């Protein structure tokens, strides 16, 4: 995500033209609004991109919080999307989180 963030915020690109084109194609799926990175989506509003520590906190809150019901990995990832959050490897991290939960 850091190359995409750097491209959207500062405009830095790789020197190699093929790599620069790949970066521009990936960055087209994201938006930079008021120092926050959002992922563009067709069916839902923009999803706020999270860093790994914030993503773990959100996942824990959705899974174990006051409204949490210790749901499975797919429904946990879907809950995060419906709440307006996104991070790369969301489904994989949800699977590991549910597997390591001692209450499930």
C-alpha atoms as a PDB file:
ATOM      1  CA  UNK A   1       0.000   0.000   0.000  1.00  0.00           C
ATOM      2  CA  UNK A   2       2.870   2.416   0.630  1.00  0.00           C
ATOM      3  CA  UNK A   3       3.712   2.937  -3.073  1.00  0.00           C
ATOM      4  CA  UNK A   4       0.040   3.713  -3.741  1.00  0.00           C
ATOM      5  CA  UNK A   5      -0.149   6.086  -0.770  1.00  0.00           C
ATOM      6  CA  UNK A   6       3.041   7.845  -1.856  1.00  0.00           C
ATOM      7  CA  UNK A   7       1.741   8.172  -5.402  1.00  0.00           C
ATOM      8  CA  UNK A   8      -1.609   9.606  -4.285  1.00  0.00           C
ATOM      9  CA  UNK A   9      -0.194  12.013  -1.708  1.00  0.00           C
ATOM     10  CA  UNK A  10       3.107  13.149  -3.223  1.00  0.00           C
ATOM     11  CA  UNK A  11       3.016  11.860  -6.791  1.00  0.00           C
ATOM     12  CA  UNK A  12       6.165   9.719  -6.675  1.00  0.00           C
ATOM     13  CA  UNK A  13       6.429   7.007  -9.307  1.00  0.00           C
ATOM     14  CA  UNK A  14       8.987   4.288 -10.069  1.00  0.00           C
ATOM     15  CA  UNK A  15      11.613   5.147 -12.672  1.00  0.00           C
ATOM     16  CA  UNK A  16      10.799   2.125 -14.831  1.00  0.00           C
ATOM     17  CA  UNK A  17       7.882   2.995 -17.175  1.00  0.00           C
ATOM     18  CA  UNK A  18       6.206  -0.420 -16.907  1.00  0.00           C
ATOM     19  CA  UNK A  19       6.241  -0.310 -13.094  1.00  0.00           C
ATOM     20  CA  UNK A  20       4.978   3.281 -13.148  1.00  0.00           C
ATOM     21  CA  UNK A  21       2.049   2.267 -15.355  1.00  0.00           C
ATOM     22  CA  UNK A  22       1.190  -0.632 -13.023  1.00  0.00           C
ATOM     23  CA  UNK A  23       1.209   1.750 -10.078  1.00  0.00           C
ATOM     24  CA  UNK A  24      -1.060   4.240 -11.862  1.00  0.00           C
ATOM     25  CA  UNK A  25      -3.500   1.429 -12.723  1.00  0.00           C
ATOM     26  CA  UNK A  26      -3.638   0.232  -9.102  1.00  0.00           C
ATOM     27  CA  UNK A  27      -3.872   3.768  -7.717  1.00  0.00           C
ATOM     28  CA  UNK A  28      -6.919   4.486  -9.879  1.00  0.00           C
ATOM     29  CA  UNK A  29      -8.916   2.287  -7.496  1.00  0.00           C
ATOM     30  CA  UNK A  30      -8.124   4.574  -4.551  1.00  0.00           C
ATOM     31  CA  UNK A  31      -8.856   8.195  -3.614  1.00  0.00           C
ATOM     32  CA  UNK A  32      -7.008  10.640  -1.356  1.00  0.00           C
ATOM     33  CA  UNK A  33      -9.447  12.929   0.451  1.00  0.00           C
ATOM     34  CA  UNK A  34      -8.377  15.167   3.356  1.00  0.00           C
ATOM     35  CA  UNK A  35      -5.278  13.057   4.159  1.00  0.00           C
ATOM     36  CA  UNK A  36      -7.286   9.818   4.264  1.00  0.00           C
ATOM     37  CA  UNK A  37      -6.987   7.033   1.693  1.00  0.00           C
ATOM     38  CA  UNK A  38     -10.265   5.501   0.494  1.00  0.00           C
ATOM     39  CA  UNK A  39     -10.867   2.510  -1.757  1.00  0.00           C
ATOM     40  CA  UNK A  40     -13.350   3.194  -4.520  1.00  0.00           C
ATOM     41  CA  UNK A  41     -16.149   0.671  -4.940  1.00  0.00           C
ATOM     42  CA  UNK A  42     -19.006   0.195  -7.368  1.00  0.00           C
ATOM     43  CA  UNK A  43     -21.754  -0.972  -5.046  1.00  0.00           C
ATOM     44  CA  UNK A  44     -20.903   0.748  -1.739  1.00  0.00           C
ATOM     45  CA  UNK A  45     -19.589   4.185  -0.766  1.00  0.00           C
ATOM     46  CA  UNK A  46     -15.844   4.760  -0.508  1.00  0.00           C
ATOM     47  CA  UNK A  47     -14.210   2.409   2.007  1.00  0.00           C
ATOM     48  CA  UNK A  48     -11.684   3.880   4.438  1.00  0.00           C
ATOM     49  CA  UNK A  49      -8.295   2.156   4.200  1.00  0.00           C
ATOM     50  CA  UNK A  50      -6.787   1.142   7.521  1.00  0.00           C
ATOM     51  CA  UNK A  51      -3.264   0.405   8.665  1.00  0.00           C
ATOM     52  CA  UNK A  52      -2.566  -3.037  10.215  1.00  0.00           C
ATOM     53  CA  UNK A  53      -2.861  -1.956  13.855  1.00  0.00           C
ATOM     54  CA  UNK A  54      -6.145  -0.117  13.308  1.00  0.00           C
ATOM     55  CA  UNK A  55      -7.458  -3.064  11.273  1.00  0.00           C
ATOM     56  CA  UNK A  56      -6.802  -5.488  14.143  1.00  0.00           C
ATOM     57  CA  UNK A  57      -8.573  -3.173  16.573  1.00  0.00           C
ATOM     58  CA  UNK A  58     -11.611  -2.873  14.264  1.00  0.00           C
ATOM     59  CA  UNK A  59     -11.697  -6.642  13.718  1.00  0.00           C
ATOM     60  CA  UNK A  60     -11.547  -7.287  17.462  1.00  0.00           C
ATOM     61  CA  UNK A  61     -14.304  -4.768  18.110  1.00  0.00           C
ATOM     62  CA  UNK A  62     -16.548  -6.253  15.418  1.00  0.00           C
ATOM     63  CA  UNK A  63     -15.899  -9.811  16.578  1.00  0.00           C
ATOM     64  CA  UNK A  64     -15.824  -9.470  20.358  1.00  0.00           C
ATOM     65  CA  UNK A  65     -17.266  -6.012  21.085  1.00  0.00           C
ATOM     66  CA  UNK A  66     -20.581  -5.115  22.670  1.00  0.00           C
ATOM     67  CA  UNK A  67     -22.449  -5.964  19.484  1.00  0.00           C
ATOM     68  CA  UNK A  68     -20.121  -8.804  18.518  1.00  0.00           C
ATOM     69  CA  UNK A  69     -21.518 -12.265  18.102  1.00  0.00           C
ATOM     70  CA  UNK A  70     -18.281 -14.210  17.411  1.00  0.00           C
ATOM     71  CA  UNK A  71     -19.216 -14.696  13.782  1.00  0.00           C
ATOM     72  CA  UNK A  72     -17.170 -16.574  11.202  1.00  0.00           C
ATOM     73  CA  UNK A  73     -14.447 -15.208   8.968  1.00  0.00           C
ATOM     74  CA  UNK A  74     -16.584 -14.388   5.927  1.00  0.00           C
ATOM     75  CA  UNK A  75     -19.256 -12.585   7.903  1.00  0.00           C
ATOM     76  CA  UNK A  76     -16.571 -10.749   9.899  1.00  0.00           C
ATOM     77  CA  UNK A  77     -14.965  -9.446   6.693  1.00  0.00           C
ATOM     78  CA  UNK A  78     -18.417  -8.553   5.320  1.00  0.00           C
ATOM     79  CA  UNK A  79     -19.251  -6.663   8.531  1.00  0.00           C
ATOM     80  CA  UNK A  80     -16.068  -4.618   8.188  1.00  0.00           C
ATOM     81  CA  UNK A  81     -16.960  -3.710   4.602  1.00  0.00           C
ATOM     82  CA  UNK A  82     -20.520  -2.740   5.504  1.00  0.00           C
ATOM     83  CA  UNK A  83     -19.143  -0.530   8.285  1.00  0.00           C
ATOM     84  CA  UNK A  84     -17.032   1.276   5.669  1.00  0.00           C
ATOM     85  CA  UNK A  85     -13.544  -0.158   6.261  1.00  0.00           C
ATOM     86  CA  UNK A  86     -11.020  -1.791   3.946  1.00  0.00           C
ATOM     87  CA  UNK A  87      -7.508  -3.168   4.209  1.00  0.00           C
ATOM     88  CA  UNK A  88      -5.571  -5.525   1.973  1.00  0.00           C
ATOM     89  CA  UNK A  89      -5.788  -9.205   2.927  1.00  0.00           C
ATOM     90  CA  UNK A  90      -8.948  -8.600   4.943  1.00  0.00           C
ATOM     91  CA  UNK A  91     -10.362 -12.107   4.491  1.00  0.00           C
ATOM     92  CA  UNK A  92      -7.057 -13.819   5.316  1.00  0.00           C
ATOM     93  CA  UNK A  93      -6.628 -11.830   8.528  1.00  0.00           C
ATOM     94  CA  UNK A  94     -10.254 -12.469   9.519  1.00  0.00           C
ATOM     95  CA  UNK A  95      -9.659 -16.204   9.105  1.00  0.00           C
ATOM     96  CA  UNK A  96      -6.592 -16.072  11.365  1.00  0.00           C
ATOM     97  CA  UNK A  97      -8.416 -13.890  13.904  1.00  0.00           C
ATOM     98  CA  UNK A  98     -11.398 -16.240  14.162  1.00  0.00           C
ATOM     99  CA  UNK A  99      -9.096 -19.277  14.367  1.00  0.00           C
ATOM    100  CA  UNK A 100      -7.182 -17.720  17.287  1.00  0.00           C
ATOM    101  CA  UNK A 101     -10.283 -16.625  19.196  1.00  0.00           C
ATOM    102  CA  UNK A 102     -10.557 -18.622  22.432  1.00  0.00           C
ATOM    103  CA  UNK A 103     -14.328 -18.018  22.777  1.00  0.00           C
ATOM    104  CA  UNK A 104     -15.312 -19.380  19.365  1.00  0.00           C
END
